[in-house]
Amino acid sequence: MSSYDPRFGPNAQTPQQRANVLRQLQLTHPRLKTHASLQAQQLYARYVAGELSWGDVRRALDEAAPQA
């Protein structure tokens, strides 16, 4: 087994597990899927690949959001 990465929860250590977490988030919050920009989709893919934590994804999306 690979080493534990604290950036991800205990149930999100592998790409398959992170993909499942993302699916669950999208079921709970459908706008994460139905209103996902190309940038958001790319960030999600990087999360699943283990390049970014979910916090990193959210920060990037928040920074990219239009300011009111």
C-alpha atoms as a PDB file:
ATOM      1  CA  MET A   1       0.000   0.000   0.000  1.00  0.00           C
ATOM      2  CA  SER A   2       1.229   3.493  -0.774  1.00  0.00           C
ATOM      3  CA  SER A   3       1.859   6.010   1.956  1.00  0.00           C
ATOM      4  CA  TYR A   4      -0.962   8.072   3.441  1.00  0.00           C
ATOM      5  CA  ASP A   5      -1.334  11.561   1.920  1.00  0.00           C
ATOM      6  CA  PRO A   6      -2.808  13.917   4.529  1.00  0.00           C
ATOM      7  CA  ARG A   7      -4.085  16.287   1.791  1.00  0.00           C
ATOM      8  CA  PHE A   8      -6.839  13.764   1.130  1.00  0.00           C
ATOM      9  CA  GLY A   9      -9.165  12.054   3.566  1.00  0.00           C
ATOM     10  CA  PRO A  10      -8.751   8.408   4.505  1.00  0.00           C
ATOM     11  CA  ASN A  11     -11.344   7.440   1.888  1.00  0.00           C
ATOM     12  CA  ALA A  12      -9.743   9.478  -0.927  1.00  0.00           C
ATOM     13  CA  GLN A  13      -6.208   8.140  -1.169  1.00  0.00           C
ATOM     14  CA  THR A  14      -6.377   6.674  -4.688  1.00  0.00           C
ATOM     15  CA  PRO A  15      -7.606   8.178  -7.968  1.00  0.00           C
ATOM     16  CA  GLN A  16     -10.530   5.744  -7.943  1.00  0.00           C
ATOM     17  CA  GLN A  17     -11.497   6.811  -4.423  1.00  0.00           C
ATOM     18  CA  ARG A  18     -11.182  10.513  -5.299  1.00  0.00           C
ATOM     19  CA  ALA A  19     -13.358   9.989  -8.399  1.00  0.00           C
ATOM     20  CA  ASN A  20     -15.979   8.428  -6.136  1.00  0.00           C
ATOM     21  CA  VAL A  21     -15.747  11.361  -3.711  1.00  0.00           C
ATOM     22  CA  LEU A  22     -16.210  13.767  -6.632  1.00  0.00           C
ATOM     23  CA  ARG A  23     -19.264  11.798  -7.862  1.00  0.00           C
ATOM     24  CA  GLN A  24     -20.757  11.936  -4.370  1.00  0.00           C
ATOM     25  CA  LEU A  25     -20.137  15.696  -4.160  1.00  0.00           C
ATOM     26  CA  GLN A  26     -21.772  16.168  -7.555  1.00  0.00           C
ATOM     27  CA  LEU A  27     -24.808  14.133  -6.480  1.00  0.00           C
ATOM     28  CA  THR A  28     -25.138  16.202  -3.308  1.00  0.00           C
ATOM     29  CA  HIS A  29     -24.434  19.494  -5.107  1.00  0.00           C
ATOM     30  CA  PRO A  30     -25.580  19.017  -8.735  1.00  0.00           C
ATOM     31  CA  ARG A  31     -24.328  22.480  -9.788  1.00  0.00           C
ATOM     32  CA  LEU A  32     -20.778  21.153  -9.394  1.00  0.00           C
ATOM     33  CA  LYS A  33     -21.507  19.048 -12.467  1.00  0.00           C
ATOM     34  CA  THR A  34     -24.237  20.858 -14.379  1.00  0.00           C
ATOM     35  CA  HIS A  35     -22.539  24.280 -14.231  1.00  0.00           C
ATOM     36  CA  ALA A  36     -18.924  23.113 -14.394  1.00  0.00           C
ATOM     37  CA  SER A  37     -16.826  25.322 -16.640  1.00  0.00           C
ATOM     38  CA  LEU A  38     -13.939  23.920 -18.630  1.00  0.00           C
ATOM     39  CA  GLN A  39     -11.609  25.256 -15.939  1.00  0.00           C
ATOM     40  CA  ALA A  40     -13.634  23.493 -13.224  1.00  0.00           C
ATOM     41  CA  GLN A  41     -13.556  20.221 -15.163  1.00  0.00           C
ATOM     42  CA  GLN A  42      -9.775  20.522 -15.504  1.00  0.00           C
ATOM     43  CA  LEU A  43      -9.420  21.207 -11.778  1.00  0.00           C
ATOM     44  CA  TYR A  44     -11.633  18.205 -10.969  1.00  0.00           C
ATOM     45  CA  ALA A  45      -9.405  16.009 -13.150  1.00  0.00           C
ATOM     46  CA  ARG A  46      -6.324  17.280 -11.302  1.00  0.00           C
ATOM     47  CA  TYR A  47      -8.043  16.491  -7.981  1.00  0.00           C
ATOM     48  CA  VAL A  48      -8.809  12.940  -9.108  1.00  0.00           C
ATOM     49  CA  ALA A  49      -5.205  12.556 -10.318  1.00  0.00           C
ATOM     50  CA  GLY A  50      -3.941  13.635  -6.894  1.00  0.00           C
ATOM     51  CA  GLU A  51      -2.310  16.850  -8.071  1.00  0.00           C
ATOM     52  CA  LEU A  52      -4.642  19.089  -6.044  1.00  0.00           C
ATOM     53  CA  SER A  53      -6.551  18.705  -2.807  1.00  0.00           C
ATOM     54  CA  TRP A  54     -10.261  19.583  -2.779  1.00  0.00           C
ATOM     55  CA  GLY A  55      -9.336  22.752  -0.859  1.00  0.00           C
ATOM     56  CA  ASP A  56      -6.967  23.692  -3.696  1.00  0.00           C
ATOM     57  CA  VAL A  57      -9.772  23.151  -6.225  1.00  0.00           C
ATOM     58  CA  ARG A  58     -12.205  25.310  -4.252  1.00  0.00           C
ATOM     59  CA  ARG A  59      -9.649  28.113  -3.801  1.00  0.00           C
ATOM     60  CA  ALA A  60      -8.872  28.132  -7.538  1.00  0.00           C
ATOM     61  CA  LEU A  61     -12.568  28.234  -8.409  1.00  0.00           C
ATOM     62  CA  ASP A  62     -13.269  30.967  -5.847  1.00  0.00           C
ATOM     63  CA  GLU A  63     -10.383  33.062  -7.196  1.00  0.00           C
ATOM     64  CA  ALA A  64     -11.659  32.622 -10.767  1.00  0.00           C
ATOM     65  CA  ALA A  65     -15.243  33.542  -9.855  1.00  0.00           C
ATOM     66  CA  PRO A  66     -16.432  36.931 -11.111  1.00  0.00           C
ATOM     67  CA  GLN A  67     -16.422  39.512  -8.357  1.00  0.00           C
ATOM     68  CA  ALA A  68     -19.709  41.274  -7.618  1.00  0.00           C
END
